[in-house]
Protein backbone atom coordinates (compact mmCIF):
# COMPACT_ATOMS: atom_id res chain seq x y z
CA MET A 1 -0.07 -0.06 0.01
CA ALA A 2 2.61 2.43 0.98
CA SER A 3 4.62 1.58 -2.24
CA ARG A 4 1.57 2.46 -4.12
CA VAL A 5 1.21 5.96 -2.52
CA LEU A 6 4.95 6.59 -3.09
CA ALA A 7 4.66 5.56 -6.55
CA ALA A 8 1.74 7.97 -7.12
CA THR A 9 3.27 10.93 -5.49
CA SER A 10 6.64 10.35 -7.22
CA SER A 11 4.88 10.17 -10.54
CA PRO A 12 5.79 13.20 -12.77
CA TYR A 13 2.15 13.79 -13.56
CA SER A 14 1.18 13.97 -9.89
CA LEU A 15 4.11 16.40 -9.09
CA ALA A 16 2.88 18.64 -11.96
CA ALA A 17 -0.67 18.73 -10.66
CA PHE A 18 0.52 19.48 -7.10
CA ALA A 19 2.59 22.32 -8.32
CA ALA A 20 -0.25 23.58 -10.52
CA VAL A 21 -2.57 23.62 -7.36
CA GLY A 22 0.10 25.14 -5.22
CA GLY A 23 0.72 27.98 -7.93
CA ALA A 24 -2.87 28.68 -8.14
CA ILE A 25 -3.11 29.22 -4.49
CA VAL A 26 -0.35 31.57 -4.42
CA VAL A 27 -1.76 33.54 -7.22
CA TRP A 28 -5.19 33.72 -5.54
CA GLY A 29 -3.65 34.91 -2.41
CA ALA A 30 -1.62 37.58 -4.18
CA ILE A 31 -4.79 38.78 -5.92
CA ASN A 32 -6.64 39.05 -2.68
CA ALA A 33 -3.68 40.96 -1.11
CA VAL A 34 -3.44 43.36 -4.01
CA THR A 35 -7.16 43.95 -3.91
CA THR A 36 -7.36 44.45 -0.12
CA ILE A 37 -4.21 46.90 -0.33
CA GLY A 38 -6.03 48.69 -3.11
CA ALA A 39 -9.17 49.28 -1.07
CA MET A 40 -7.42 50.43 1.94
CA ASN A 41 -5.35 52.88 -0.26
CA ALA A 42 -8.61 54.14 -2.02
CA ASP A 43 -10.01 54.73 1.55
CA LEU A 44 -7.04 56.65 2.40
CA ASP A 45 -7.43 58.84 -0.70
CA LYS A 46 -11.08 59.70 -0.02
CA PRO A 47 -11.26 63.24 1.47
CA ALA A 48 -12.71 63.17 5.12
CA PRO A 49 -16.33 64.15 5.38
CA ALA A 50 -17.21 67.58 6.36
CA PRO A 51 -18.36 67.81 9.99
CA ALA A 52 -22.18 68.33 10.12
CA ILE A 53 -23.02 71.84 11.26
CA ALA A 54 -26.38 72.31 12.91
CA SER A 55 -28.63 74.97 11.33
CA VAL A 56 -28.90 78.20 13.38
CA THR A 57 -32.16 80.19 13.12
CA ALA A 58 -31.64 83.92 13.61
CA PRO A 59 -33.90 85.11 16.68
CA GLU A 60 -36.92 87.26 15.54
CA PRO A 61 -36.40 90.89 16.27
CA PRO A 62 -38.49 92.02 19.24
CA PRO A 63 -41.95 93.66 18.29
CA PRO A 64 -41.80 97.51 18.11
CA PRO A 65 -43.00 99.28 21.37
CA PRO A 66 -46.73 100.60 21.40
CA PRO A 67 -47.13 104.20 20.52
CA ALA A 68 -47.24 106.71 23.42
CA PHE A 69 -50.46 108.30 22.35
CA VAL A 70 -53.31 107.40 20.16
CA PHE A 71 -56.20 109.74 19.41
CA ASP A 72 -59.33 108.66 17.48
CA ALA A 73 -61.98 110.98 16.00
CA PRO A 74 -64.94 111.11 18.35
CA LEU A 75 -67.20 111.01 15.32
CA PRO A 76 -65.43 108.71 12.64
CA GLY A 77 -66.15 109.78 9.05
CA ARG A 78 -67.49 113.20 10.02
CA VAL A 79 -65.98 116.44 9.14
CA ILE A 80 -65.24 119.62 11.25
CA ASN A 81 -67.51 122.36 10.23
CA SER A 82 -66.39 124.90 12.65
CA PRO A 83 -62.72 124.91 13.34
CA PHE A 84 -60.48 125.83 16.49
CA GLY A 85 -59.66 129.73 16.54
CA LEU A 86 -60.90 132.97 16.81
CA ARG A 87 -64.70 133.21 15.75
CA GLN A 88 -67.50 135.81 15.97
CA MET A 89 -71.06 134.60 15.99
CA PRO A 90 -73.80 136.82 14.42
CA TRP A 91 -75.19 137.98 17.84
CA GLU A 92 -71.61 138.90 19.04
CA GLU A 93 -70.21 142.37 18.89
CA ASN A 94 -66.54 140.99 18.82
CA GLY A 95 -64.83 137.60 18.16
CA ARG A 96 -63.64 135.27 20.80
CA LEU A 97 -61.79 132.04 20.87
CA HIS A 98 -63.74 129.06 19.94
CA GLU A 99 -61.87 126.51 22.13
CA GLY A 100 -62.64 123.44 20.20
CA VAL A 101 -64.12 122.34 16.98
CA ASP A 102 -67.66 121.70 15.83
CA ILE A 103 -68.65 118.42 14.16
CA ALA A 104 -72.01 118.24 12.58
CA ALA A 105 -73.80 114.92 12.87
CA PRO A 106 -77.50 113.77 13.13
CA ALA A 107 -79.08 113.69 16.55
CA GLY A 108 -78.52 110.21 18.32
CA ALA A 109 -75.20 109.54 16.61
CA PRO A 110 -72.93 107.77 19.21
CA VAL A 111 -70.02 110.03 20.34
CA HIS A 112 -66.72 107.90 21.05
CA VAL A 113 -63.94 108.70 23.55
CA ALA A 114 -60.95 109.75 21.77
CA THR A 115 -58.30 107.97 23.95
CA ASP A 116 -58.09 105.75 27.04
CA GLY A 117 -59.07 107.75 30.17
CA ILE A 118 -61.40 108.17 33.21
CA VAL A 119 -64.85 109.86 33.33
CA MET A 120 -64.34 113.14 35.45
CA LYS A 121 -67.49 114.78 35.13
CA SER A 122 -70.87 114.86 33.37
CA GLY A 123 -73.72 117.27 33.51
CA VAL A 124 -75.60 120.09 31.97
CA SER A 125 -74.22 123.70 31.35
CA GLY A 126 -76.01 126.84 30.25
CA THR A 127 -73.68 127.25 27.29
CA TYR A 128 -72.34 123.53 26.59
CA GLY A 129 -75.63 122.07 27.48
CA ARG A 130 -75.23 118.41 28.33
CA PHE A 131 -71.55 117.52 28.42
CA VAL A 132 -69.12 114.78 29.47
CA GLU A 133 -65.53 115.32 30.55
CA VAL A 134 -62.77 112.69 30.35
CA ALA A 135 -59.35 112.71 31.86
CA HIS A 136 -56.40 111.11 30.20
CA LYS A 137 -52.75 110.39 30.83
CA ASP A 138 -50.24 113.41 31.16
CA GLY A 139 -52.91 115.60 32.22
CA PHE A 140 -55.01 115.80 28.79
CA ARG A 141 -58.78 116.17 29.17
CA THR A 142 -61.36 115.98 26.35
CA LEU A 143 -64.77 117.65 26.47
CA TYR A 144 -67.87 116.51 24.52
CA ALA A 145 -70.62 118.92 24.62
CA HIS A 146 -74.11 120.07 23.34
CA LEU A 147 -75.08 116.36 23.66
CA GLY A 148 -78.48 114.96 23.34
CA ARG A 149 -77.78 112.61 26.20
CA ASP A 150 -74.88 110.66 27.81
CA ALA A 151 -74.22 106.99 28.04
CA GLY A 152 -74.82 106.89 31.63
CA LEU A 153 -71.22 106.45 32.59
CA LYS A 154 -70.45 107.44 36.41
CA ARG A 155 -67.54 109.45 37.63
CA GLY A 156 -64.41 107.29 37.84
CA THR A 157 -65.50 104.94 35.07
CA TYR A 158 -62.46 103.91 33.18
CA VAL A 159 -63.11 103.99 29.28
CA LYS A 160 -61.05 102.67 26.39
CA ARG A 161 -60.51 104.49 23.24
CA GLY A 162 -63.54 104.17 21.00
CA THR A 163 -65.87 103.70 23.80
CA THR A 164 -69.40 105.29 23.34
CA VAL A 165 -69.71 108.15 26.11
CA ALA A 166 -72.73 110.05 24.68
CA TYR A 167 -74.96 110.98 21.88
CA VAL A 168 -75.08 113.87 19.58
CA GLY A 169 -77.72 116.50 20.27
CA SER A 170 -78.41 120.30 20.33
CA SER A 171 -78.51 121.31 23.91
CA GLY A 172 -77.24 124.37 25.57
CA ARG A 173 -76.29 127.31 23.40
CA SER A 174 -76.42 125.44 20.05
CA THR A 175 -77.21 126.36 16.41
CA GLY A 176 -78.01 122.88 15.44
CA SER A 177 -77.44 119.14 15.97
CA HIS A 178 -73.59 118.73 16.24
CA LEU A 179 -70.63 117.76 18.69
CA HIS A 180 -68.44 120.44 20.36
CA PHE A 181 -65.19 118.54 21.10
CA GLU A 182 -62.46 120.34 23.16
CA LEU A 183 -58.88 119.07 24.22
CA ARG A 184 -56.92 120.76 26.95
CA ASN A 185 -53.48 120.22 28.30
CA LYS A 186 -52.43 119.80 31.99
CA ALA A 187 -52.59 123.53 32.53
CA GLY A 188 -56.06 123.79 31.20
CA LYS A 189 -54.96 125.55 28.06
CA PRO A 190 -57.18 124.62 25.00
CA LEU A 191 -55.43 122.91 22.15
CA ASN A 192 -56.52 122.42 18.43
CA PRO A 193 -58.12 118.89 18.51
CA ALA A 194 -57.82 118.72 14.68
CA LEU A 195 -54.02 118.32 15.15
CA PHE A 196 -54.64 114.90 17.16
CA MET A 197 -57.71 113.38 15.88
CA GLY A 198 -57.24 110.22 14.08
CA LYS A 199 -53.55 110.33 14.67
CA THR A 200 -50.72 108.19 16.58
CA PHE A 201 -47.67 109.38 18.06
CA ALA A 202 -44.86 106.91 18.91
CA GLU A 203 -43.38 109.36 21.50
CA LYS A 204 -44.39 112.25 23.76
CA ASP A 205 -41.96 114.61 22.01
CA ASP A 206 -44.00 113.78 18.84
CA LEU A 207 -47.12 115.56 20.05
CA PRO A 208 -47.92 118.87 18.15
CA LEU A 209 -48.31 120.94 21.50
CA LYS A 210 -46.88 124.22 20.19
CA ALA A 211 -48.83 124.25 16.92
CA ALA A 212 -51.91 123.07 18.64
CA ALA A 213 -51.73 125.78 21.16
CA LYS A 214 -51.19 128.61 18.45
CA VAL A 215 -54.15 130.93 17.88
CA GLY A 216 -54.18 132.88 14.51
CA ARG A 217 -55.22 136.46 14.40
CA THR A 218 -57.90 136.16 11.85
CA VAL A 219 -61.54 136.21 13.08
CA ARG A 220 -63.97 134.03 11.33
CA LEU A 221 -67.48 135.08 11.13
CA ALA A 222 -69.86 132.13 11.77
CA GLN A 223 -72.76 131.17 9.39
CA VAL A 224 -75.64 129.76 11.20
CA SER A 225 -79.08 128.48 10.07
CA LYS A 226 -80.77 129.53 13.38
CA TRP A 227 -80.10 131.30 16.60
CA PRO A 228 -80.21 129.61 19.98
CA GLU A 229 -83.56 130.27 21.91
CA GLY A 230 -81.77 131.93 24.85
CA VAL A 231 -79.80 134.35 22.49
CA LYS A 232 -83.05 135.35 20.78
CA ALA A 233 -84.60 136.18 24.05
CA GLN A 234 -81.61 138.18 25.23
CA MET A 235 -81.49 140.21 22.03
CA ALA A 236 -85.20 141.05 22.20
CA SER A 237 -84.79 142.17 25.86
CA LYS A 238 -81.74 144.32 25.07
CA THR A 239 -83.44 145.91 21.90
CA ALA A 240 -86.41 146.78 23.98
CA ALA A 241 -84.54 148.20 27.06
CA ASP A 242 -82.43 150.31 24.52
CA GLY A 243 -85.68 151.84 23.12
CA GLU A 244 -84.49 150.83 19.54
CA GLY A 245 -87.91 149.15 18.93
CA VAL A 246 -90.08 146.03 19.64
CA VAL A 247 -88.92 142.54 18.74
CA THR A 248 -91.38 139.86 18.28
CA ARG A 249 -91.10 136.15 17.17
CA VAL A 250 -92.86 135.15 14.08
CA LYS A 251 -93.58 131.50 12.52
CA GLY A 252 -90.43 129.53 11.75
CA GLY A 253 -88.27 131.05 14.61
CA ARG A 254 -87.53 134.22 12.76
CA ILE A 255 -87.39 137.70 14.51
CA ARG A 256 -89.40 140.76 13.44
CA THR A 257 -88.33 143.94 14.76
CA ARG A 258 -90.37 147.39 14.74
CA ILE A 259 -87.92 150.28 15.00
CA ASN A 260 -89.11 153.52 16.60
CA VAL A 261 -88.84 156.58 14.41
CA VAL A 262 -88.51 159.97 16.17
CA ASP A 263 -89.61 163.12 14.29
CA GLY A 264 -87.54 166.23 13.94
């Protein structure tokens, strides 16, 4: 048996086959080694991946601060028909300061407070008629006059801008249905409300205080459709007392005067 194995291995054909197998193994190993080294070199040649950077969101800017002062119109959409300044009524001998503005509106139209404040006073005056007065920050005050009625707000009630405080009328010394609206500073000096109505002021320094306190020299003659009842009575009494004639009322509220004529 041993002789047969020795004979097989010693055969030239067996040695050649063994050598061929061994050579194939060596070649296969060499190829694997080269492939592995090439892959390693390829990995070394690759650039290193960039580090991941987390996205950073810029913070939103803070909202702008609220404006220091906001003034609404007490009758939005209505126009001023008698401005602030020197004015002479038909029954007056001289002009005087009209300390606010008159805004024509139908009776019963709601009157809104111009800016946040506290109701300080409401009542009836011989000249203003029914009125409401509201105090605001920095000593400002607004007055709403010749009202038909107020909204029943008690003294000390806090009211937000736009709150209804009264309703338009023609009380007091009034020539027709309208709102008389005044704005005064801390010292009680009247300011032109037209320079504040419907406007927003970012800072206190933006308020047009100097311009609003200025009063022009021109006297404007007011045009009215009718005279207040109290004024007509006073004029009639004055005319009779001066002996200038007799004043009587006729239909439609007009006044008729009979002038005394002295002969010679």
